[in-house]
């Protein structure tokens, strides 16, 4: 799948990935995403830069390495955290 949740809000996105994870259990699934939040449930992540695999591992392993994946994940997470804080203020 290529960007399967691009048009979904964060709640629907999370639910979709939970269902997807359950559906492919004991199987291999491949999807492409620029939203790294969607990779957390993956057993194996291939992180590409300029068409080459530069990092490989699970979410936890890649975060521990502190490389490009971790930097991009942290950058993207800030957007979601900021959005959540704004929603709480205006709620």
PDB file of N, CA and C in Angstrom:
ATOM      1  N   UNK A   1       0.853  -1.167   0.000  1.00  0.00           N
ATOM      2  CA  UNK A   1       0.000   0.000   0.000  1.00  0.00           C
ATOM      3  C   UNK A   1       0.903   1.234   0.000  1.00  0.00           C
ATOM      4  N   UNK A   2       0.479   2.258  -0.681  1.00  0.00           N
ATOM      5  CA  UNK A   2       1.231   3.498  -0.747  1.00  0.00           C
ATOM      6  C   UNK A   2       0.408   4.609  -0.116  1.00  0.00           C
ATOM      7  N   UNK A   3       0.866   5.113   1.021  1.00  0.00           N
ATOM      8  CA  UNK A   3       0.184   6.168   1.766  1.00  0.00           C
ATOM      9  C   UNK A   3      -1.302   5.868   1.968  1.00  0.00           C
ATOM     10  N   UNK A   4      -1.630   4.735   2.583  1.00  0.00           N
ATOM     11  CA  UNK A   4      -3.039   4.340   2.704  1.00  0.00           C
ATOM     12  C   UNK A   4      -3.880   5.230   3.607  1.00  0.00           C
ATOM     13  N   UNK A   5      -3.250   6.054   4.423  1.00  0.00           N
ATOM     14  CA  UNK A   5      -4.030   6.866   5.367  1.00  0.00           C
ATOM     15  C   UNK A   5      -3.938   8.357   5.086  1.00  0.00           C
ATOM     16  N   UNK A   6      -3.503   8.730   3.910  1.00  0.00           N
ATOM     17  CA  UNK A   6      -3.267  10.144   3.601  1.00  0.00           C
ATOM     18  C   UNK A   6      -4.489  11.031   3.837  1.00  0.00           C
ATOM     19  N   UNK A   7      -5.680  10.522   3.632  1.00  0.00           N
ATOM     20  CA  UNK A   7      -6.890  11.338   3.772  1.00  0.00           C
ATOM     21  C   UNK A   7      -7.607  11.122   5.104  1.00  0.00           C
ATOM     22  N   UNK A   8      -6.990  10.395   6.016  1.00  0.00           N
ATOM     23  CA  UNK A   8      -7.646  10.083   7.289  1.00  0.00           C
ATOM     24  C   UNK A   8      -7.176  10.996   8.412  1.00  0.00           C
ATOM     25  N   UNK A   9      -8.056  11.226   9.386  1.00  0.00           N
ATOM     26  CA  UNK A   9      -7.656  11.960  10.574  1.00  0.00           C
ATOM     27  C   UNK A   9      -6.844  11.013  11.466  1.00  0.00           C
ATOM     28  N   UNK A  10      -6.123  11.519  12.461  1.00  0.00           N
ATOM     29  CA  UNK A  10      -5.250  10.671  13.281  1.00  0.00           C
ATOM     30  C   UNK A  10      -5.955   9.507  13.975  1.00  0.00           C
ATOM     31  N   UNK A  11      -7.193   9.689  14.413  1.00  0.00           N
ATOM     32  CA  UNK A  11      -7.914   8.605  15.088  1.00  0.00           C
ATOM     33  C   UNK A  11      -8.240   7.489  14.104  1.00  0.00           C
ATOM     34  N   UNK A  12      -8.787   7.854  12.951  1.00  0.00           N
ATOM     35  CA  UNK A  12      -9.106   6.855  11.925  1.00  0.00           C
ATOM     36  C   UNK A  12      -7.835   6.173  11.432  1.00  0.00           C
ATOM     37  N   UNK A  13      -6.746   6.936  11.325  1.00  0.00           N
ATOM     38  CA  UNK A  13      -5.466   6.366  10.903  1.00  0.00           C
ATOM     39  C   UNK A  13      -4.989   5.301  11.887  1.00  0.00           C
ATOM     40  N   UNK A  14      -5.056   5.608  13.161  1.00  0.00           N
ATOM     41  CA  UNK A  14      -4.638   4.660  14.190  1.00  0.00           C
ATOM     42  C   UNK A  14      -5.484   3.393  14.148  1.00  0.00           C
ATOM     43  N   UNK A  15      -6.795   3.551  14.022  1.00  0.00           N
ATOM     44  CA  UNK A  15      -7.693   2.393  13.947  1.00  0.00           C
ATOM     45  C   UNK A  15      -7.401   1.540  12.722  1.00  0.00           C
ATOM     46  N   UNK A  16      -7.136   2.196  11.593  1.00  0.00           N
ATOM     47  CA  UNK A  16      -6.846   1.464  10.364  1.00  0.00           C
ATOM     48  C   UNK A  16      -5.567   0.628  10.511  1.00  0.00           C
ATOM     49  N   UNK A  17      -4.542   1.212  11.122  1.00  0.00           N
ATOM     50  CA  UNK A  17      -3.291   0.470  11.289  1.00  0.00           C
ATOM     51  C   UNK A  17      -3.428  -0.666  12.301  1.00  0.00           C
ATOM     52  N   UNK A  18      -4.251  -0.484  13.320  1.00  0.00           N
ATOM     53  CA  UNK A  18      -4.498  -1.578  14.266  1.00  0.00           C
ATOM     54  C   UNK A  18      -5.164  -2.753  13.549  1.00  0.00           C
ATOM     55  N   UNK A  19      -6.139  -2.457  12.707  1.00  0.00           N
ATOM     56  CA  UNK A  19      -6.820  -3.508  11.938  1.00  0.00           C
ATOM     57  C   UNK A  19      -5.873  -4.152  10.928  1.00  0.00           C
ATOM     58  N   UNK A  20      -5.072  -3.319  10.273  1.00  0.00           N
ATOM     59  CA  UNK A  20      -4.101  -3.822   9.290  1.00  0.00           C
ATOM     60  C   UNK A  20      -3.108  -4.762   9.967  1.00  0.00           C
ATOM     61  N   UNK A  21      -2.606  -4.365  11.124  1.00  0.00           N
ATOM     62  CA  UNK A  21      -1.655  -5.187  11.875  1.00  0.00           C
ATOM     63  C   UNK A  21      -2.271  -6.535  12.229  1.00  0.00           C
ATOM     64  N   UNK A  22      -3.507  -6.534  12.690  1.00  0.00           N
ATOM     65  CA  UNK A  22      -4.194  -7.785  13.028  1.00  0.00           C
ATOM     66  C   UNK A  22      -4.424  -8.644  11.790  1.00  0.00           C
ATOM     67  N   UNK A  23      -4.752  -8.008  10.679  1.00  0.00           N
ATOM     68  CA  UNK A  23      -5.049  -8.725   9.447  1.00  0.00           C
ATOM     69  C   UNK A  23      -3.815  -9.430   8.864  1.00  0.00           C
ATOM     70  N   UNK A  24      -2.653  -8.816   8.987  1.00  0.00           N
ATOM     71  CA  UNK A  24      -1.461  -9.404   8.361  1.00  0.00           C
ATOM     72  C   UNK A  24      -0.607 -10.208   9.335  1.00  0.00           C
ATOM     73  N   UNK A  25      -1.090 -10.411  10.527  1.00  0.00           N
ATOM     74  CA  UNK A  25      -0.331 -11.209  11.498  1.00  0.00           C
ATOM     75  C   UNK A  25       0.081 -12.534  10.870  1.00  0.00           C
ATOM     76  N   UNK A  26       1.332 -12.910  11.058  1.00  0.00           N
ATOM     77  CA  UNK A  26       1.887 -14.151  10.476  1.00  0.00           C
ATOM     78  C   UNK A  26       2.003 -14.078   8.952  1.00  0.00           C
ATOM     79  N   UNK A  27       1.890 -12.882   8.389  1.00  0.00           N
ATOM     80  CA  UNK A  27       2.029 -12.684   6.946  1.00  0.00           C
ATOM     81  C   UNK A  27       2.992 -11.531   6.717  1.00  0.00           C
ATOM     82  N   UNK A  28       3.353 -11.330   5.477  1.00  0.00           N
ATOM     83  CA  UNK A  28       4.199 -10.201   5.126  1.00  0.00           C
ATOM     84  C   UNK A  28       3.358  -9.141   4.432  1.00  0.00           C
ATOM     85  N   UNK A  29       3.483  -7.926   4.888  1.00  0.00           N
ATOM     86  CA  UNK A  29       2.810  -6.798   4.265  1.00  0.00           C
ATOM     87  C   UNK A  29       3.836  -5.718   3.988  1.00  0.00           C
ATOM     88  N   UNK A  30       3.691  -5.055   2.874  1.00  0.00           N
ATOM     89  CA  UNK A  30       4.620  -3.980   2.520  1.00  0.00           C
ATOM     90  C   UNK A  30       3.802  -2.726   2.239  1.00  0.00           C
ATOM     91  N   UNK A  31       4.202  -1.638   2.852  1.00  0.00           N
ATOM     92  CA  UNK A  31       3.569  -0.369   2.520  1.00  0.00           C
ATOM     93  C   UNK A  31       4.614   0.727   2.561  1.00  0.00           C
ATOM     94  N   UNK A  32       4.317   1.808   1.867  1.00  0.00           N
ATOM     95  CA  UNK A  32       5.215   2.950   1.757  1.00  0.00           C
ATOM     96  C   UNK A  32       4.551   4.117   2.475  1.00  0.00           C
ATOM     97  N   UNK A  33       5.305   4.803   3.305  1.00  0.00           N
ATOM     98  CA  UNK A  33       4.713   5.929   4.009  1.00  0.00           C
ATOM     99  C   UNK A  33       5.758   6.984   4.324  1.00  0.00           C
ATOM    100  N   UNK A  34       5.318   8.228   4.268  1.00  0.00           N
ATOM    101  CA  UNK A  34       6.162   9.342   4.688  1.00  0.00           C
ATOM    102  C   UNK A  34       5.827   9.720   6.133  1.00  0.00           C
ATOM    103  N   UNK A  35       4.725   9.202   6.635  1.00  0.00           N
ATOM    104  CA  UNK A  35       4.326   9.436   8.025  1.00  0.00           C
ATOM    105  C   UNK A  35       4.912   8.315   8.875  1.00  0.00           C
ATOM    106  N   UNK A  36       5.949   8.634   9.600  1.00  0.00           N
ATOM    107  CA  UNK A  36       6.641   7.582  10.347  1.00  0.00           C
ATOM    108  C   UNK A  36       5.843   7.072  11.536  1.00  0.00           C
ATOM    109  N   UNK A  37       4.807   7.780  11.947  1.00  0.00           N
ATOM    110  CA  UNK A  37       3.967   7.265  13.033  1.00  0.00           C
ATOM    111  C   UNK A  37       3.328   5.938  12.638  1.00  0.00           C
ATOM    112  N   UNK A  38       3.162   5.731  11.349  1.00  0.00           N
ATOM    113  CA  UNK A  38       2.536   4.499  10.869  1.00  0.00           C
ATOM    114  C   UNK A  38       3.481   3.307  10.887  1.00  0.00           C
ATOM    115  N   UNK A  39       4.741   3.534  11.175  1.00  0.00           N
ATOM    116  CA  UNK A  39       5.715   2.433  11.145  1.00  0.00           C
ATOM    117  C   UNK A  39       5.928   1.781  12.507  1.00  0.00           C
ATOM    118  N   UNK A  40       5.343   2.304  13.537  1.00  0.00           N
ATOM    119  CA  UNK A  40       5.616   1.815  14.898  1.00  0.00           C
ATOM    120  C   UNK A  40       5.301   0.336  15.082  1.00  0.00           C
ATOM    121  N   UNK A  41       4.283  -0.172  14.406  1.00  0.00           N
ATOM    122  CA  UNK A  41       3.905  -1.574  14.590  1.00  0.00           C
ATOM    123  C   UNK A  41       4.700  -2.521  13.697  1.00  0.00           C
ATOM    124  N   UNK A  42       5.528  -2.003  12.832  1.00  0.00           N
ATOM    125  CA  UNK A  42       6.266  -2.839  11.876  1.00  0.00           C
ATOM    126  C   UNK A  42       7.416  -3.588  12.549  1.00  0.00           C
ATOM    127  N   UNK A  43       7.607  -4.825  12.141  1.00  0.00           N
ATOM    128  CA  UNK A  43       8.728  -5.613  12.647  1.00  0.00           C
ATOM    129  C   UNK A  43      10.046  -5.160  12.033  1.00  0.00           C
ATOM    130  N   UNK A  44       9.976  -4.737  10.781  1.00  0.00           N
ATOM    131  CA  UNK A  44      11.184  -4.366  10.050  1.00  0.00           C
ATOM    132  C   UNK A  44      10.900  -3.133   9.201  1.00  0.00           C
ATOM    133  N   UNK A  45      11.710  -2.113   9.402  1.00  0.00           N
ATOM    134  CA  UNK A  45      11.575  -0.858   8.674  1.00  0.00           C
ATOM    135  C   UNK A  45      12.825  -0.656   7.836  1.00  0.00           C
ATOM    136  N   UNK A  46      12.628  -0.302   6.589  1.00  0.00           N
ATOM    137  CA  UNK A  46      13.726   0.074   5.712  1.00  0.00           C
ATOM    138  C   UNK A  46      13.607   1.568   5.479  1.00  0.00           C
ATOM    139  N   UNK A  47      14.579   2.327   5.914  1.00  0.00           N
ATOM    140  CA  UNK A  47      14.562   3.779   5.773  1.00  0.00           C
ATOM    141  C   UNK A  47      15.454   4.156   4.599  1.00  0.00           C
ATOM    142  N   UNK A  48      14.855   4.822   3.612  1.00  0.00           N
ATOM    143  CA  UNK A  48      15.586   5.158   2.388  1.00  0.00           C
ATOM    144  C   UNK A  48      15.910   6.640   2.308  1.00  0.00           C
ATOM    145  N   UNK A  49      17.075   6.929   1.771  1.00  0.00           N
ATOM    146  CA  UNK A  49      17.482   8.290   1.431  1.00  0.00           C
ATOM    147  C   UNK A  49      18.110   8.233   0.060  1.00  0.00           C
ATOM    148  N   UNK A  50      17.663   9.081  -0.838  1.00  0.00           N
ATOM    149  CA  UNK A  50      18.195   9.122  -2.200  1.00  0.00           C
ATOM    150  C   UNK A  50      18.172   7.752  -2.870  1.00  0.00           C
ATOM    151  N   UNK A  51      17.104   6.995  -2.627  1.00  0.00           N
ATOM    152  CA  UNK A  51      16.928   5.700  -3.285  1.00  0.00           C
ATOM    153  C   UNK A  51      17.744   4.565  -2.702  1.00  0.00           C
ATOM    154  N   UNK A  52      18.386   4.790  -1.567  1.00  0.00           N
ATOM    155  CA  UNK A  52      19.214   3.740  -0.943  1.00  0.00           C
ATOM    156  C   UNK A  52      18.770   3.484   0.491  1.00  0.00           C
ATOM    157  N   UNK A  53      18.850   2.225   0.900  1.00  0.00           N
ATOM    158  CA  UNK A  53      18.540   1.872   2.287  1.00  0.00           C
ATOM    159  C   UNK A  53      19.704   2.358   3.157  1.00  0.00           C
ATOM    160  N   UNK A  54      19.405   3.269   4.071  1.00  0.00           N
ATOM    161  CA  UNK A  54      20.450   3.802   4.949  1.00  0.00           C
ATOM    162  C   UNK A  54      20.297   3.314   6.389  1.00  0.00           C
ATOM    163  N   UNK A  55      19.103   2.841   6.748  1.00  0.00           N
ATOM    164  CA  UNK A  55      18.867   2.298   8.087  1.00  0.00           C
ATOM    165  C   UNK A  55      17.847   1.180   7.980  1.00  0.00           C
ATOM    166  N   UNK A  56      17.970   0.226   8.893  1.00  0.00           N
ATOM    167  CA  UNK A  56      17.068  -0.917   8.889  1.00  0.00           C
ATOM    168  C   UNK A  56      16.902  -1.419  10.317  1.00  0.00           C
ATOM    169  N   UNK A  57      15.665  -1.764  10.677  1.00  0.00           N
ATOM    170  CA  UNK A  57      15.392  -2.304  12.004  1.00  0.00           C
ATOM    171  C   UNK A  57      13.970  -2.005  12.420  1.00  0.00           C
ATOM    172  N   UNK A  58      13.648  -2.349  13.647  1.00  0.00           N
ATOM    173  CA  UNK A  58      12.335  -2.025  14.194  1.00  0.00           C
ATOM    174  C   UNK A  58      12.315  -0.551  14.598  1.00  0.00           C
ATOM    175  N   UNK A  59      11.150  -0.055  14.929  1.00  0.00           N
ATOM    176  CA  UNK A  59      11.025   1.342  15.373  1.00  0.00           C
ATOM    177  C   UNK A  59      11.940   1.597  16.574  1.00  0.00           C
ATOM    178  N   UNK A  60      11.873   0.719  17.568  1.00  0.00           N
ATOM    179  CA  UNK A  60      12.671   0.917  18.782  1.00  0.00           C
ATOM    180  C   UNK A  60      14.168   0.922  18.488  1.00  0.00           C
ATOM    181  N   UNK A  61      14.608  -0.007  17.657  1.00  0.00           N
ATOM    182  CA  UNK A  61      16.035  -0.090  17.305  1.00  0.00           C
ATOM    183  C   UNK A  61      16.469   1.188  16.587  1.00  0.00           C
ATOM    184  N   UNK A  62      15.667   1.637  15.631  1.00  0.00           N
ATOM    185  CA  UNK A  62      16.033   2.836  14.877  1.00  0.00           C
ATOM    186  C   UNK A  62      16.010   4.085  15.754  1.00  0.00           C
ATOM    187  N   UNK A  63      15.093   4.154  16.699  1.00  0.00           N
ATOM    188  CA  UNK A  63      15.068   5.292  17.613  1.00  0.00           C
ATOM    189  C   UNK A  63      16.303   5.289  18.505  1.00  0.00           C
ATOM    190  N   UNK A  64      16.709   4.123  18.964  1.00  0.00           N
ATOM    191  CA  UNK A  64      17.915   4.019  19.803  1.00  0.00           C
ATOM    192  C   UNK A  64      19.165   4.446  19.042  1.00  0.00           C
ATOM    193  N   UNK A  65      19.222   4.157  17.745  1.00  0.00           N
ATOM    194  CA  UNK A  65      20.375   4.536  16.930  1.00  0.00           C
ATOM    195  C   UNK A  65      20.512   6.049  16.808  1.00  0.00           C
ATOM    196  N   UNK A  66      19.393   6.747  16.837  1.00  0.00           N
ATOM    197  CA  UNK A  66      19.429   8.202  16.770  1.00  0.00           C
ATOM    198  C   UNK A  66      19.830   8.758  15.414  1.00  0.00           C
ATOM    199  N   UNK A  67      19.630   7.991  14.363  1.00  0.00           N
ATOM    200  CA  UNK A  67      20.002   8.420  13.014  1.00  0.00           C
ATOM    201  C   UNK A  67      18.904   9.197  12.317  1.00  0.00           C
ATOM    202  N   UNK A  68      18.883   9.104  11.015  1.00  0.00           N
ATOM    203  CA  UNK A  68      17.933   9.858  10.189  1.00  0.00           C
ATOM    204  C   UNK A  68      16.484   9.513  10.512  1.00  0.00           C
ATOM    205  N   UNK A  69      16.184   8.226  10.706  1.00  0.00           N
ATOM    206  CA  UNK A  69      14.821   7.813  11.034  1.00  0.00           C
ATOM    207  C   UNK A  69      14.376   8.491  12.332  1.00  0.00           C
ATOM    208  N   UNK A  70      15.206   8.403  13.370  1.00  0.00           N
ATOM    209  CA  UNK A  70      14.851   8.976  14.672  1.00  0.00           C
ATOM    210  C   UNK A  70      14.653  10.484  14.572  1.00  0.00           C
ATOM    211  N   UNK A  71      15.503  11.153  13.828  1.00  0.00           N
ATOM    212  CA  UNK A  71      15.376  12.607  13.684  1.00  0.00           C
ATOM    213  C   UNK A  71      14.076  12.978  12.979  1.00  0.00           C
ATOM    214  N   UNK A  72      13.752  12.269  11.902  1.00  0.00           N
ATOM    215  CA  UNK A  72      12.524  12.565  11.164  1.00  0.00           C
ATOM    216  C   UNK A  72      11.288  12.194  11.987  1.00  0.00           C
ATOM    217  N   UNK A  73      11.334  11.056  12.689  1.00  0.00           N
ATOM    218  CA  UNK A  73      10.206  10.656  13.534  1.00  0.00           C
ATOM    219  C   UNK A  73       9.946  11.722  14.598  1.00  0.00           C
ATOM    220  N   UNK A  74      11.003  12.187  15.248  1.00  0.00           N
ATOM    221  CA  UNK A  74      10.872  13.198  16.298  1.00  0.00           C
ATOM    222  C   UNK A  74      10.323  14.498  15.734  1.00  0.00           C
ATOM    223  N   UNK A  75      10.787  14.885  14.570  1.00  0.00           N
ATOM    224  CA  UNK A  75      10.300  16.101  13.916  1.00  0.00           C
ATOM    225  C   UNK A  75       8.808  15.983  13.605  1.00  0.00           C
ATOM    226  N   UNK A  76       8.390  14.853  13.050  1.00  0.00           N
ATOM    227  CA  UNK A  76       6.981  14.654  12.742  1.00  0.00           C
ATOM    228  C   UNK A  76       6.143  14.578  14.015  1.00  0.00           C
ATOM    229  N   UNK A  77       6.656  13.964  15.057  1.00  0.00           N
ATOM    230  CA  UNK A  77       5.914  13.828  16.314  1.00  0.00           C
ATOM    231  C   UNK A  77       5.646  15.193  16.931  1.00  0.00           C
ATOM    232  N   UNK A  78       6.550  16.119  16.756  1.00  0.00           N
ATOM    233  CA  UNK A  78       6.341  17.471  17.294  1.00  0.00           C
ATOM    234  C   UNK A  78       5.091  18.106  16.703  1.00  0.00           C
ATOM    235  N   UNK A  79       4.850  17.874  15.414  1.00  0.00           N
ATOM    236  CA  UNK A  79       3.660  18.422  14.769  1.00  0.00           C
ATOM    237  C   UNK A  79       2.401  17.870  15.431  1.00  0.00           C
ATOM    238  N   UNK A  80       2.368  16.561  15.671  1.00  0.00           N
ATOM    239  CA  UNK A  80       1.189  15.960  16.288  1.00  0.00           C
ATOM    240  C   UNK A  80       1.021  16.426  17.731  1.00  0.00           C
ATOM    241  N   UNK A  81       2.139  16.560  18.456  1.00  0.00           N
ATOM    242  CA  UNK A  81       2.056  17.019  19.837  1.00  0.00           C
ATOM    243  C   UNK A  81       1.550  18.455  19.899  1.00  0.00           C
ATOM    244  N   UNK A  82       2.037  19.306  18.993  1.00  0.00           N
ATOM    245  CA  UNK A  82       1.593  20.691  18.953  1.00  0.00           C
ATOM    246  C   UNK A  82       0.111  20.761  18.624  1.00  0.00           C
ATOM    247  N   UNK A  83      -0.322  19.950  17.655  1.00  0.00           N
ATOM    248  CA  UNK A  83      -1.727  19.940  17.268  1.00  0.00           C
ATOM    249  C   UNK A  83      -2.600  19.491  18.439  1.00  0.00           C
ATOM    250  N   UNK A  84      -2.154  18.461  19.183  1.00  0.00           N
ATOM    251  CA  UNK A  84      -2.918  17.974  20.333  1.00  0.00           C
ATOM    252  C   UNK A  84      -3.033  19.055  21.398  1.00  0.00           C
ATOM    253  N   UNK A  85      -1.926  19.783  21.662  1.00  0.00           N
ATOM    254  CA  UNK A  85      -1.953  20.853  22.651  1.00  0.00           C
ATOM    255  C   UNK A  85      -2.930  21.943  22.235  1.00  0.00           C
ATOM    256  N   UNK A  86      -2.948  22.295  20.947  1.00  0.00           N
ATOM    257  CA  UNK A  86      -3.869  23.322  20.458  1.00  0.00           C
ATOM    258  C   UNK A  86      -5.318  22.847  20.596  1.00  0.00           C
ATOM    259  N   UNK A  87      -5.590  21.589  20.330  1.00  0.00           N
ATOM    260  CA  UNK A  87      -6.943  21.059  20.462  1.00  0.00           C
ATOM    261  C   UNK A  87      -7.407  21.099  21.918  1.00  0.00           C
ATOM    262  N   UNK A  88      -6.491  20.821  22.863  1.00  0.00           N
ATOM    263  CA  UNK A  88      -6.846  20.865  24.279  1.00  0.00           C
ATOM    264  C   UNK A  88      -7.144  22.290  24.732  1.00  0.00           C
ATOM    265  N   UNK A  89      -6.408  23.260  24.189  1.00  0.00           N
ATOM    266  CA  UNK A  89      -6.628  24.648  24.555  1.00  0.00           C
ATOM    267  C   UNK A  89      -8.005  25.118  24.098  1.00  0.00           C
ATOM    268  N   UNK A  90      -8.378  24.743  22.873  1.00  0.00           N
ATOM    269  CA  UNK A  90      -9.644  25.213  22.298  1.00  0.00           C
ATOM    270  C   UNK A  90     -10.841  24.312  22.626  1.00  0.00           C
ATOM    271  N   UNK A  91     -10.625  23.249  23.383  1.00  0.00           N
ATOM    272  CA  UNK A  91     -11.722  22.325  23.722  1.00  0.00           C
ATOM    273  C   UNK A  91     -12.591  22.868  24.825  1.00  0.00           C
TER     274      UNK A  91
END
